[in-house]
Amino acid sequence: MARLAVLASGNGSNFQALADSIREDREGKPVRGGHECVLLIHDRKAAFAAQRAARLGIPFRHISYFERAGGEAEAEMAAALDEVRADIIALAGFMRILSPSFVEARHGRIANVHPSLLPKWPGARAIERAFEAGDLEFGVTVHLVDAGMDSGPIVSRASFKAESGSALADIESRIHEIEHEIYPKAVLGLLDAIDEERRRT
């Protein structure tokens, strides 16, 4: 069994999709591979993701960056992740830049989902910027996190062609649907790889 932790800042719809993909069924049997979502960390106190975690019975913890150094918050996060022995960490709308030292200590174990076809449109407002530029093809990329801005190795991605005259809201809705489809599959693959590595050793 591999253990997943999720970092989120807001609504938590991607957290919900991830948690749903590995939680137990009504008879208490694992849906996939015996993996477990062991912790949600949220940096904003009012993040709705925490309410989702409470409903799902997943432990959650508020770790604030407010009026404190980022390194102090990261140290608290690192301790929490170590405490639950998290194997894979998934960013789900986590609106903080992780430091190179935090990332390097978890090399190959932090995943992120980004609403563009990387390497195009890294960073914030990716969908809006692509729309304003007149792009016709949109998509989602799951990648491992490195020290750069949305620059880590790509795990998976999916794209679609926007219909002529599509509104920005329609494109955003379709992108969120794709996120909820491919992100859980990619993270499950990473969790499966952890299990496979343990069996070999």
N, C-alpha and C. Protein backbone atom coordinates (compact mmCIF):
# COMPACT_ATOMS: atom_id res chain seq x y z
N MET A 1 0.84 -1.20 0.00
CA MET A 1 0.00 0.00 0.00
C MET A 1 0.87 1.24 0.00
N ALA A 2 0.61 2.15 -0.91
CA ALA A 2 1.32 3.43 -0.95
C ALA A 2 0.42 4.51 -0.37
N ARG A 3 1.06 5.55 0.13
CA ARG A 3 0.33 6.56 0.89
C ARG A 3 0.43 7.92 0.18
N LEU A 4 -0.74 8.54 -0.02
CA LEU A 4 -0.85 9.81 -0.72
C LEU A 4 -1.18 10.93 0.25
N ALA A 5 -0.49 12.07 0.09
CA ALA A 5 -0.86 13.30 0.78
C ALA A 5 -1.13 14.36 -0.29
N VAL A 6 -2.04 15.27 0.01
CA VAL A 6 -2.44 16.29 -0.95
C VAL A 6 -2.27 17.67 -0.33
N LEU A 7 -1.75 18.60 -1.11
CA LEU A 7 -1.66 20.01 -0.69
C LEU A 7 -2.65 20.81 -1.52
N ALA A 8 -3.49 21.59 -0.87
CA ALA A 8 -4.52 22.37 -1.56
C ALA A 8 -4.65 23.74 -0.92
N SER A 9 -5.24 24.66 -1.70
CA SER A 9 -5.45 26.02 -1.18
C SER A 9 -6.91 26.45 -1.23
N GLY A 10 -7.72 25.83 -2.08
CA GLY A 10 -9.06 26.37 -2.30
C GLY A 10 -10.16 25.35 -2.29
N ASN A 11 -10.91 25.31 -3.40
CA ASN A 11 -12.12 24.50 -3.48
C ASN A 11 -11.87 23.01 -3.30
N GLY A 12 -10.77 22.51 -3.87
CA GLY A 12 -10.40 21.12 -3.64
C GLY A 12 -11.08 20.12 -4.54
N SER A 13 -11.54 20.53 -5.73
CA SER A 13 -12.21 19.55 -6.60
C SER A 13 -11.23 18.50 -7.11
N ASN A 14 -9.98 18.87 -7.35
CA ASN A 14 -8.99 17.87 -7.75
C ASN A 14 -8.63 16.96 -6.58
N PHE A 15 -8.58 17.51 -5.37
CA PHE A 15 -8.39 16.68 -4.18
C PHE A 15 -9.51 15.65 -4.08
N GLN A 16 -10.74 16.08 -4.29
CA GLN A 16 -11.89 15.17 -4.24
C GLN A 16 -11.73 14.05 -5.27
N ALA A 17 -11.33 14.41 -6.49
CA ALA A 17 -11.15 13.40 -7.54
C ALA A 17 -10.07 12.40 -7.17
N LEU A 18 -8.98 12.90 -6.60
CA LEU A 18 -7.90 12.01 -6.17
C LEU A 18 -8.37 11.09 -5.06
N ALA A 19 -9.01 11.65 -4.06
CA ALA A 19 -9.46 10.85 -2.92
C ALA A 19 -10.49 9.81 -3.35
N ASP A 20 -11.41 10.20 -4.23
CA ASP A 20 -12.43 9.26 -4.70
C ASP A 20 -11.81 8.09 -5.46
N SER A 21 -10.68 8.33 -6.11
CA SER A 21 -10.08 7.29 -6.95
C SER A 21 -9.44 6.17 -6.13
N ILE A 22 -9.13 6.42 -4.86
CA ILE A 22 -8.46 5.39 -4.07
C ILE A 22 -9.18 5.04 -2.76
N ARG A 23 -10.30 5.67 -2.49
CA ARG A 23 -10.96 5.37 -1.21
C ARG A 23 -11.64 4.01 -1.24
N GLU A 24 -12.05 3.54 -0.09
CA GLU A 24 -12.68 2.24 0.02
C GLU A 24 -14.12 2.29 -0.45
N ASP A 25 -14.64 1.12 -0.89
CA ASP A 25 -16.03 1.05 -1.30
C ASP A 25 -16.92 0.85 -0.07
N ARG A 26 -18.19 0.63 -0.28
CA ARG A 26 -19.14 0.54 0.84
C ARG A 26 -18.86 -0.63 1.76
N GLU A 27 -18.19 -1.66 1.26
CA GLU A 27 -17.87 -2.83 2.07
C GLU A 27 -16.48 -2.71 2.70
N GLY A 28 -15.86 -1.56 2.54
CA GLY A 28 -14.56 -1.34 3.14
C GLY A 28 -13.41 -1.92 2.37
N LYS A 29 -13.65 -2.32 1.12
CA LYS A 29 -12.58 -2.88 0.29
C LYS A 29 -11.96 -1.77 -0.56
N PRO A 30 -10.63 -1.77 -0.68
CA PRO A 30 -10.00 -0.72 -1.49
C PRO A 30 -10.49 -0.74 -2.92
N VAL A 31 -10.74 0.44 -3.47
CA VAL A 31 -11.16 0.55 -4.86
C VAL A 31 -10.00 0.27 -5.79
N ARG A 32 -8.79 0.69 -5.41
CA ARG A 32 -7.65 0.51 -6.29
C ARG A 32 -6.38 0.25 -5.49
N GLY A 33 -5.86 -0.94 -5.58
CA GLY A 33 -4.51 -1.23 -5.15
C GLY A 33 -4.21 -1.10 -3.67
N GLY A 34 -5.21 -0.85 -2.84
CA GLY A 34 -4.95 -0.72 -1.42
C GLY A 34 -4.26 0.57 -1.02
N HIS A 35 -4.17 1.53 -1.93
CA HIS A 35 -3.54 2.80 -1.60
C HIS A 35 -4.43 3.60 -0.65
N GLU A 36 -3.81 4.58 0.01
CA GLU A 36 -4.55 5.35 1.02
C GLU A 36 -4.20 6.82 0.91
N CYS A 37 -5.22 7.67 1.02
CA CYS A 37 -5.02 9.11 1.13
C CYS A 37 -4.94 9.43 2.61
N VAL A 38 -3.75 9.79 3.08
CA VAL A 38 -3.50 9.86 4.51
C VAL A 38 -3.56 11.27 5.09
N LEU A 39 -3.53 12.30 4.22
CA LEU A 39 -3.52 13.66 4.76
C LEU A 39 -3.82 14.69 3.68
N LEU A 40 -4.60 15.70 4.06
CA LEU A 40 -4.74 16.92 3.27
C LEU A 40 -4.12 18.05 4.07
N ILE A 41 -3.23 18.80 3.45
CA ILE A 41 -2.69 20.03 4.04
C ILE A 41 -3.25 21.20 3.25
N HIS A 42 -3.83 22.18 3.94
CA HIS A 42 -4.34 23.37 3.26
C HIS A 42 -3.73 24.61 3.90
N ASP A 43 -3.29 25.55 3.06
CA ASP A 43 -2.61 26.73 3.57
C ASP A 43 -3.56 27.88 3.84
N ARG A 44 -4.78 27.80 3.34
CA ARG A 44 -5.78 28.83 3.60
C ARG A 44 -6.82 28.25 4.56
N LYS A 45 -7.06 28.95 5.64
CA LYS A 45 -7.93 28.42 6.70
C LYS A 45 -9.32 28.08 6.19
N ALA A 46 -9.84 28.93 5.28
CA ALA A 46 -11.21 28.74 4.80
C ALA A 46 -11.30 27.84 3.57
N ALA A 47 -10.25 27.17 3.22
CA ALA A 47 -10.26 26.33 2.02
C ALA A 47 -11.37 25.28 2.11
N PHE A 48 -12.21 25.23 1.07
CA PHE A 48 -13.32 24.26 1.07
C PHE A 48 -12.80 22.83 1.00
N ALA A 49 -11.56 22.67 0.53
CA ALA A 49 -10.96 21.33 0.49
C ALA A 49 -10.99 20.66 1.86
N ALA A 50 -10.87 21.45 2.93
CA ALA A 50 -10.89 20.89 4.28
C ALA A 50 -12.25 20.28 4.59
N GLN A 51 -13.32 20.93 4.13
CA GLN A 51 -14.65 20.36 4.35
C GLN A 51 -14.83 19.06 3.57
N ARG A 52 -14.25 19.01 2.38
CA ARG A 52 -14.30 17.76 1.61
C ARG A 52 -13.59 16.65 2.36
N ALA A 53 -12.41 16.97 2.91
CA ALA A 53 -11.65 15.97 3.65
C ALA A 53 -12.43 15.47 4.86
N ALA A 54 -13.08 16.40 5.56
CA ALA A 54 -13.87 16.02 6.75
C ALA A 54 -14.98 15.05 6.36
N ARG A 55 -15.66 15.33 5.25
CA ARG A 55 -16.75 14.45 4.79
C ARG A 55 -16.22 13.07 4.40
N LEU A 56 -14.99 13.03 3.87
CA LEU A 56 -14.41 11.77 3.42
C LEU A 56 -13.71 11.01 4.55
N GLY A 57 -13.59 11.64 5.71
CA GLY A 57 -12.89 10.99 6.82
C GLY A 57 -11.38 10.97 6.64
N ILE A 58 -10.85 11.93 5.89
CA ILE A 58 -9.42 12.02 5.65
C ILE A 58 -8.84 13.08 6.58
N PRO A 59 -7.78 12.77 7.32
CA PRO A 59 -7.19 13.79 8.20
C PRO A 59 -6.76 15.02 7.42
N PHE A 60 -6.97 16.19 8.00
CA PHE A 60 -6.58 17.43 7.33
C PHE A 60 -5.93 18.37 8.34
N ARG A 61 -5.09 19.24 7.82
CA ARG A 61 -4.32 20.13 8.70
C ARG A 61 -4.11 21.47 8.02
N HIS A 62 -4.39 22.53 8.75
CA HIS A 62 -4.16 23.88 8.24
C HIS A 62 -2.75 24.31 8.62
N ILE A 63 -1.94 24.60 7.62
CA ILE A 63 -0.60 25.12 7.86
C ILE A 63 -0.51 26.47 7.14
N SER A 64 -0.49 27.51 7.92
CA SER A 64 -0.58 28.87 7.37
C SER A 64 0.79 29.42 7.00
N TYR A 65 0.81 30.20 5.93
CA TYR A 65 1.99 30.99 5.55
C TYR A 65 1.87 32.42 6.05
N PHE A 66 0.73 32.78 6.64
CA PHE A 66 0.45 34.17 6.98
C PHE A 66 1.42 34.68 8.04
N GLU A 67 2.08 35.79 7.71
CA GLU A 67 3.00 36.48 8.61
C GLU A 67 4.08 35.55 9.18
N ARG A 68 4.57 34.64 8.33
CA ARG A 68 5.68 33.79 8.74
C ARG A 68 6.53 33.49 7.51
N ALA A 69 7.76 33.16 7.70
CA ALA A 69 8.65 32.85 6.59
C ALA A 69 8.19 31.56 5.91
N GLY A 70 8.35 31.53 4.56
CA GLY A 70 7.95 30.33 3.83
C GLY A 70 8.67 29.10 4.31
N GLY A 71 9.94 29.25 4.71
CA GLY A 71 10.69 28.11 5.20
C GLY A 71 10.12 27.53 6.47
N GLU A 72 9.56 28.40 7.30
CA GLU A 72 8.94 27.93 8.55
C GLU A 72 7.70 27.10 8.24
N ALA A 73 6.88 27.58 7.30
CA ALA A 73 5.68 26.82 6.91
C ALA A 73 6.07 25.50 6.27
N GLU A 74 7.10 25.51 5.42
CA GLU A 74 7.53 24.28 4.78
C GLU A 74 8.08 23.28 5.78
N ALA A 75 8.77 23.76 6.79
CA ALA A 75 9.28 22.85 7.82
C ALA A 75 8.13 22.16 8.55
N GLU A 76 7.06 22.92 8.80
CA GLU A 76 5.88 22.32 9.45
C GLU A 76 5.22 21.31 8.52
N MET A 77 5.15 21.65 7.22
CA MET A 77 4.59 20.71 6.25
C MET A 77 5.43 19.45 6.16
N ALA A 78 6.74 19.61 6.11
CA ALA A 78 7.63 18.47 6.00
C ALA A 78 7.45 17.53 7.19
N ALA A 79 7.33 18.10 8.38
CA ALA A 79 7.13 17.27 9.58
C ALA A 79 5.81 16.52 9.51
N ALA A 80 4.77 17.21 9.04
CA ALA A 80 3.46 16.55 8.92
C ALA A 80 3.49 15.42 7.89
N LEU A 81 4.16 15.65 6.76
CA LEU A 81 4.25 14.63 5.72
C LEU A 81 5.08 13.44 6.20
N ASP A 82 6.15 13.71 6.93
CA ASP A 82 6.96 12.62 7.47
C ASP A 82 6.18 11.82 8.50
N GLU A 83 5.38 12.53 9.29
CA GLU A 83 4.61 11.86 10.34
C GLU A 83 3.64 10.83 9.77
N VAL A 84 3.03 11.13 8.62
CA VAL A 84 2.07 10.19 8.01
C VAL A 84 2.76 9.27 6.99
N ARG A 85 4.08 9.43 6.83
CA ARG A 85 4.87 8.59 5.92
C ARG A 85 4.32 8.65 4.49
N ALA A 86 4.10 9.88 4.01
CA ALA A 86 3.56 10.07 2.66
C ALA A 86 4.58 9.62 1.62
N ASP A 87 4.12 8.80 0.68
CA ASP A 87 4.98 8.34 -0.42
C ASP A 87 4.93 9.30 -1.59
N ILE A 88 3.73 9.74 -1.94
CA ILE A 88 3.51 10.65 -3.06
C ILE A 88 2.76 11.87 -2.55
N ILE A 89 3.14 13.04 -3.02
CA ILE A 89 2.47 14.29 -2.65
C ILE A 89 1.88 14.88 -3.92
N ALA A 90 0.59 15.15 -3.90
CA ALA A 90 -0.08 15.73 -5.06
C ALA A 90 -0.52 17.15 -4.75
N LEU A 91 -0.16 18.06 -5.63
CA LEU A 91 -0.62 19.44 -5.50
C LEU A 91 -1.96 19.57 -6.20
N ALA A 92 -2.95 20.10 -5.48
CA ALA A 92 -4.30 20.22 -6.03
C ALA A 92 -4.77 21.66 -5.83
N GLY A 93 -4.34 22.53 -6.74
CA GLY A 93 -4.68 23.94 -6.57
C GLY A 93 -3.95 24.56 -5.40
N PHE A 94 -2.73 24.10 -5.15
CA PHE A 94 -1.91 24.65 -4.06
C PHE A 94 -1.19 25.88 -4.59
N MET A 95 -1.56 27.05 -4.09
CA MET A 95 -1.12 28.31 -4.68
C MET A 95 0.13 28.86 -4.00
N ARG A 96 1.09 28.00 -3.80
CA ARG A 96 2.37 28.41 -3.23
C ARG A 96 3.49 27.81 -4.07
N ILE A 97 4.60 28.52 -4.17
CA ILE A 97 5.78 28.01 -4.84
C ILE A 97 6.63 27.29 -3.79
N LEU A 98 6.87 26.01 -4.01
CA LEU A 98 7.68 25.24 -3.08
C LEU A 98 9.16 25.52 -3.33
N SER A 99 9.92 25.57 -2.26
CA SER A 99 11.34 25.89 -2.38
C SER A 99 12.11 24.74 -3.03
N PRO A 100 13.24 25.05 -3.68
CA PRO A 100 14.05 23.99 -4.27
C PRO A 100 14.47 22.93 -3.25
N SER A 101 14.77 23.33 -2.03
CA SER A 101 15.20 22.35 -1.02
C SER A 101 14.06 21.40 -0.65
N PHE A 102 12.84 21.93 -0.54
CA PHE A 102 11.68 21.10 -0.22
C PHE A 102 11.44 20.10 -1.34
N VAL A 103 11.52 20.58 -2.59
CA VAL A 103 11.28 19.73 -3.75
C VAL A 103 12.36 18.67 -3.89
N GLU A 104 13.61 19.08 -3.75
CA GLU A 104 14.72 18.15 -3.94
C GLU A 104 14.69 17.02 -2.91
N ALA A 105 14.24 17.34 -1.70
CA ALA A 105 14.16 16.30 -0.66
C ALA A 105 13.10 15.25 -0.99
N ARG A 106 12.20 15.59 -1.93
CA ARG A 106 11.13 14.66 -2.33
C ARG A 106 11.16 14.46 -3.85
N HIS A 107 12.37 14.39 -4.37
CA HIS A 107 12.58 14.30 -5.82
C HIS A 107 11.78 13.15 -6.43
N GLY A 108 10.99 13.47 -7.47
CA GLY A 108 10.22 12.45 -8.16
C GLY A 108 8.97 12.00 -7.42
N ARG A 109 8.66 12.65 -6.30
CA ARG A 109 7.53 12.21 -5.48
C ARG A 109 6.44 13.28 -5.34
N ILE A 110 6.60 14.43 -6.00
CA ILE A 110 5.59 15.49 -5.95
C ILE A 110 5.00 15.66 -7.35
N ALA A 111 3.68 15.54 -7.45
CA ALA A 111 2.99 15.68 -8.72
C ALA A 111 2.13 16.94 -8.73
N ASN A 112 1.93 17.48 -9.92
CA ASN A 112 1.07 18.66 -10.08
C ASN A 112 0.27 18.51 -11.37
N VAL A 113 -0.90 19.12 -11.39
CA VAL A 113 -1.70 19.17 -12.61
C VAL A 113 -1.79 20.63 -13.04
N HIS A 114 -1.55 20.89 -14.33
CA HIS A 114 -1.53 22.26 -14.84
C HIS A 114 -2.47 22.38 -16.03
N PRO A 115 -3.27 23.46 -16.08
CA PRO A 115 -4.30 23.58 -17.13
C PRO A 115 -3.79 24.15 -18.45
N SER A 116 -2.71 23.57 -18.97
CA SER A 116 -2.25 23.92 -20.30
C SER A 116 -1.43 22.76 -20.84
N LEU A 117 -1.10 22.86 -22.11
CA LEU A 117 -0.24 21.85 -22.72
C LEU A 117 1.21 22.32 -22.57
N LEU A 118 1.77 22.04 -21.41
CA LEU A 118 3.15 22.43 -21.15
C LEU A 118 4.06 21.88 -22.24
N PRO A 119 5.08 22.62 -22.63
CA PRO A 119 5.63 23.80 -21.94
C PRO A 119 4.95 25.13 -22.26
N LYS A 120 3.85 25.12 -23.02
CA LYS A 120 3.13 26.37 -23.27
C LYS A 120 2.37 26.80 -22.01
N TRP A 121 2.38 28.08 -21.76
CA TRP A 121 1.59 28.73 -20.72
C TRP A 121 1.83 28.18 -19.31
N PRO A 122 3.07 28.15 -18.86
CA PRO A 122 3.29 27.81 -17.45
C PRO A 122 2.85 28.96 -16.55
N GLY A 123 2.70 28.69 -15.28
CA GLY A 123 2.36 29.75 -14.33
C GLY A 123 0.87 30.02 -14.22
N ALA A 124 0.55 31.16 -13.65
CA ALA A 124 -0.84 31.51 -13.33
C ALA A 124 -1.62 31.93 -14.58
N ARG A 125 -2.95 31.84 -14.47
CA ARG A 125 -3.89 32.28 -15.52
C ARG A 125 -3.61 31.61 -16.86
N ALA A 126 -3.23 30.35 -16.84
CA ALA A 126 -2.83 29.67 -18.07
C ALA A 126 -3.98 29.59 -19.08
N ILE A 127 -5.16 29.24 -18.63
CA ILE A 127 -6.29 29.10 -19.55
C ILE A 127 -6.65 30.46 -20.15
N GLU A 128 -6.73 31.45 -19.32
CA GLU A 128 -7.09 32.80 -19.78
C GLU A 128 -6.07 33.33 -20.77
N ARG A 129 -4.79 33.12 -20.49
CA ARG A 129 -3.75 33.61 -21.39
C ARG A 129 -3.79 32.90 -22.73
N ALA A 130 -4.03 31.57 -22.70
CA ALA A 130 -4.13 30.82 -23.95
C ALA A 130 -5.34 31.29 -24.76
N PHE A 131 -6.44 31.55 -24.08
CA PHE A 131 -7.66 32.02 -24.74
C PHE A 131 -7.44 33.39 -25.37
N GLU A 132 -6.82 34.29 -24.62
CA GLU A 132 -6.58 35.64 -25.13
C GLU A 132 -5.61 35.63 -26.31
N ALA A 133 -4.73 34.63 -26.35
CA ALA A 133 -3.77 34.53 -27.45
C ALA A 133 -4.38 33.92 -28.70
N GLY A 134 -5.62 33.46 -28.60
CA GLY A 134 -6.30 32.88 -29.75
C GLY A 134 -5.98 31.41 -29.99
N ASP A 135 -5.47 30.72 -28.99
CA ASP A 135 -5.20 29.29 -29.15
C ASP A 135 -6.49 28.55 -29.47
N LEU A 136 -6.37 27.54 -30.29
CA LEU A 136 -7.51 26.68 -30.62
C LEU A 136 -7.42 25.33 -29.91
N GLU A 137 -6.22 24.97 -29.50
CA GLU A 137 -6.03 23.70 -28.79
C GLU A 137 -5.71 24.00 -27.32
N PHE A 138 -6.44 23.33 -26.44
CA PHE A 138 -6.27 23.49 -25.01
C PHE A 138 -6.03 22.12 -24.40
N GLY A 139 -5.60 22.11 -23.16
CA GLY A 139 -5.40 20.81 -22.54
C GLY A 139 -4.89 20.90 -21.12
N VAL A 140 -4.48 19.73 -20.63
CA VAL A 140 -4.06 19.55 -19.24
C VAL A 140 -2.79 18.72 -19.24
N THR A 141 -1.87 19.09 -18.36
CA THR A 141 -0.62 18.35 -18.21
C THR A 141 -0.42 17.96 -16.76
N VAL A 142 -0.11 16.69 -16.53
CA VAL A 142 0.32 16.23 -15.21
C VAL A 142 1.84 16.09 -15.28
N HIS A 143 2.51 16.67 -14.31
CA HIS A 143 3.98 16.62 -14.34
C HIS A 143 4.52 16.47 -12.92
N LEU A 144 5.74 15.99 -12.84
CA LEU A 144 6.44 15.97 -11.57
C LEU A 144 7.00 17.36 -11.31
N VAL A 145 7.07 17.73 -10.06
CA VAL A 145 7.51 19.07 -9.68
C VAL A 145 9.01 19.09 -9.53
N ASP A 146 9.63 20.09 -10.15
CA ASP A 146 11.05 20.35 -9.94
C ASP A 146 11.21 21.78 -9.43
N ALA A 147 12.43 22.30 -9.47
CA ALA A 147 12.67 23.63 -8.91
C ALA A 147 12.18 24.75 -9.81
N GLY A 148 11.78 24.45 -11.05
CA GLY A 148 11.32 25.47 -11.96
C GLY A 148 9.83 25.71 -11.88
N MET A 149 9.33 26.56 -12.78
CA MET A 149 7.90 26.88 -12.84
C MET A 149 7.22 25.97 -13.85
N ASP A 150 6.53 24.95 -13.35
CA ASP A 150 5.80 24.01 -14.21
C ASP A 150 6.73 23.41 -15.28
N SER A 151 7.94 23.07 -14.86
CA SER A 151 8.95 22.63 -15.82
C SER A 151 9.41 21.19 -15.62
N GLY A 152 8.82 20.48 -14.66
CA GLY A 152 9.26 19.12 -14.37
C GLY A 152 8.84 18.12 -15.42
N PRO A 153 9.36 16.90 -15.34
CA PRO A 153 9.04 15.84 -16.31
C PRO A 153 7.54 15.61 -16.44
N ILE A 154 7.08 15.48 -17.68
CA ILE A 154 5.66 15.26 -17.94
C ILE A 154 5.29 13.80 -17.71
N VAL A 155 4.22 13.59 -16.97
CA VAL A 155 3.71 12.24 -16.70
C VAL A 155 2.63 11.88 -17.70
N SER A 156 1.70 12.78 -17.93
CA SER A 156 0.63 12.54 -18.90
C SER A 156 0.00 13.87 -19.28
N ARG A 157 -0.70 13.87 -20.41
CA ARG A 157 -1.47 15.06 -20.78
C ARG A 157 -2.56 14.68 -21.76
N ALA A 158 -3.53 15.57 -21.88
CA ALA A 158 -4.65 15.36 -22.79
C ALA A 158 -5.07 16.71 -23.33
N SER A 159 -5.57 16.73 -24.57
CA SER A 159 -5.91 18.00 -25.21
C SER A 159 -7.25 17.89 -25.93
N PHE A 160 -7.78 19.05 -26.33
CA PHE A 160 -8.99 19.10 -27.13
C PHE A 160 -8.96 20.37 -27.96
N LYS A 161 -9.69 20.36 -29.05
CA LYS A 161 -9.83 21.53 -29.90
C LYS A 161 -11.11 22.28 -29.51
N ALA A 162 -10.97 23.55 -29.26
CA ALA A 162 -12.13 24.35 -28.90
C ALA A 162 -12.98 24.61 -30.13
N GLU A 163 -14.28 24.57 -29.96
CA GLU A 163 -15.18 24.89 -31.06
C GLU A 163 -15.15 26.39 -31.32
N SER A 164 -15.37 26.76 -32.56
CA SER A 164 -15.39 28.17 -32.92
C SER A 164 -16.43 28.92 -32.09
N GLY A 165 -16.03 30.02 -31.53
CA GLY A 165 -16.95 30.82 -30.73
C GLY A 165 -17.10 30.37 -29.30
N SER A 166 -16.31 29.39 -28.87
CA SER A 166 -16.40 28.91 -27.48
C SER A 166 -16.08 30.04 -26.51
N ALA A 167 -16.83 30.11 -25.44
CA ALA A 167 -16.57 31.09 -24.39
C ALA A 167 -15.47 30.56 -23.47
N LEU A 168 -14.81 31.48 -22.80
CA LEU A 168 -13.76 31.10 -21.87
C LEU A 168 -14.30 30.15 -20.80
N ALA A 169 -15.50 30.41 -20.31
CA ALA A 169 -16.09 29.57 -19.26
C ALA A 169 -16.28 28.13 -19.75
N ASP A 170 -16.65 27.97 -21.03
CA ASP A 170 -16.83 26.62 -21.58
C ASP A 170 -15.50 25.88 -21.63
N ILE A 171 -14.46 26.58 -22.02
CA ILE A 171 -13.13 25.96 -22.09
C ILE A 171 -12.64 25.61 -20.70
N GLU A 172 -12.84 26.49 -19.74
CA GLU A 172 -12.43 26.21 -18.36
C GLU A 172 -13.15 24.98 -17.82
N SER A 173 -14.45 24.87 -18.11
CA SER A 173 -15.23 23.73 -17.64
C SER A 173 -14.70 22.42 -18.21
N ARG A 174 -14.40 22.43 -19.51
CA ARG A 174 -13.88 21.22 -20.15
C ARG A 174 -12.51 20.85 -19.59
N ILE A 175 -11.68 21.84 -19.34
CA ILE A 175 -10.36 21.58 -18.78
C ILE A 175 -10.47 20.96 -17.39
N HIS A 176 -11.38 21.46 -16.57
CA HIS A 176 -11.56 20.88 -15.24
C HIS A 176 -12.04 19.43 -15.32
N GLU A 177 -12.90 19.14 -16.27
CA GLU A 177 -13.33 17.76 -16.47
C GLU A 177 -12.15 16.85 -16.79
N ILE A 178 -11.29 17.33 -17.67
CA ILE A 178 -10.12 16.54 -18.06
C ILE A 178 -9.17 16.36 -16.88
N GLU A 179 -8.98 17.42 -16.10
CA GLU A 179 -8.15 17.32 -14.89
C GLU A 179 -8.62 16.18 -14.00
N HIS A 180 -9.94 16.12 -13.80
CA HIS A 180 -10.50 15.12 -12.90
C HIS A 180 -10.40 13.71 -13.48
N GLU A 181 -10.19 13.62 -14.79
CA GLU A 181 -10.02 12.31 -15.43
C GLU A 181 -8.57 11.85 -15.38
N ILE A 182 -7.64 12.73 -15.81
CA ILE A 182 -6.27 12.23 -15.99
C ILE A 182 -5.40 12.36 -14.74
N TYR A 183 -5.70 13.30 -13.85
CA TYR A 183 -4.85 13.46 -12.68
C TYR A 183 -4.93 12.24 -11.76
N PRO A 184 -6.12 11.75 -11.41
CA PRO A 184 -6.16 10.55 -10.58
C PRO A 184 -5.46 9.36 -11.23
N LYS A 185 -5.62 9.18 -12.53
CA LYS A 185 -4.97 8.06 -13.20
C LYS A 185 -3.45 8.17 -13.10
N ALA A 186 -2.94 9.37 -13.30
CA ALA A 186 -1.50 9.57 -13.23
C ALA A 186 -0.97 9.35 -11.82
N VAL A 187 -1.68 9.86 -10.83
CA VAL A 187 -1.24 9.69 -9.44
C VAL A 187 -1.33 8.23 -9.02
N LEU A 188 -2.38 7.54 -9.45
CA LEU A 188 -2.48 6.11 -9.16
C LEU A 188 -1.29 5.36 -9.76
N GLY A 189 -0.87 5.77 -10.94
CA GLY A 189 0.29 5.14 -11.55
C GLY A 189 1.55 5.35 -10.71
N LEU A 190 1.71 6.54 -10.15
CA LEU A 190 2.86 6.81 -9.30
C LEU A 190 2.80 5.98 -8.01
N LEU A 191 1.60 5.85 -7.45
CA LEU A 191 1.43 5.03 -6.24
C LEU A 191 1.70 3.56 -6.55
N ASP A 192 1.22 3.10 -7.70
CA ASP A 192 1.48 1.72 -8.11
C ASP A 192 2.98 1.48 -8.25
N ALA A 193 3.70 2.47 -8.80
CA ALA A 193 5.14 2.33 -8.99
C ALA A 193 5.87 2.19 -7.65
N ILE A 194 5.38 2.92 -6.64
CA ILE A 194 5.96 2.79 -5.29
C ILE A 194 5.78 1.36 -4.79
N ASP A 195 4.58 0.83 -4.94
CA ASP A 195 4.31 -0.55 -4.51
C ASP A 195 5.19 -1.54 -5.25
N GLU A 196 5.33 -1.36 -6.55
CA GLU A 196 6.14 -2.26 -7.36
C GLU A 196 7.61 -2.22 -6.91
N GLU A 197 8.09 -1.03 -6.64
CA GLU A 197 9.48 -0.89 -6.19
C GLU A 197 9.70 -1.61 -4.87
N ARG A 198 8.72 -1.52 -3.97
CA ARG A 198 8.84 -2.20 -2.68
C ARG A 198 8.82 -3.71 -2.84
N ARG A 199 8.04 -4.20 -3.77
CA ARG A 199 7.99 -5.66 -4.01
C ARG A 199 9.33 -6.16 -4.55
N ARG A 200 9.99 -5.35 -5.37
CA ARG A 200 11.26 -5.77 -5.95
C ARG A 200 12.39 -5.77 -4.93
N THR A 201 12.24 -4.92 -3.89
CA THR A 201 13.30 -4.83 -2.90
C THR A 201 12.90 -5.58 -1.63
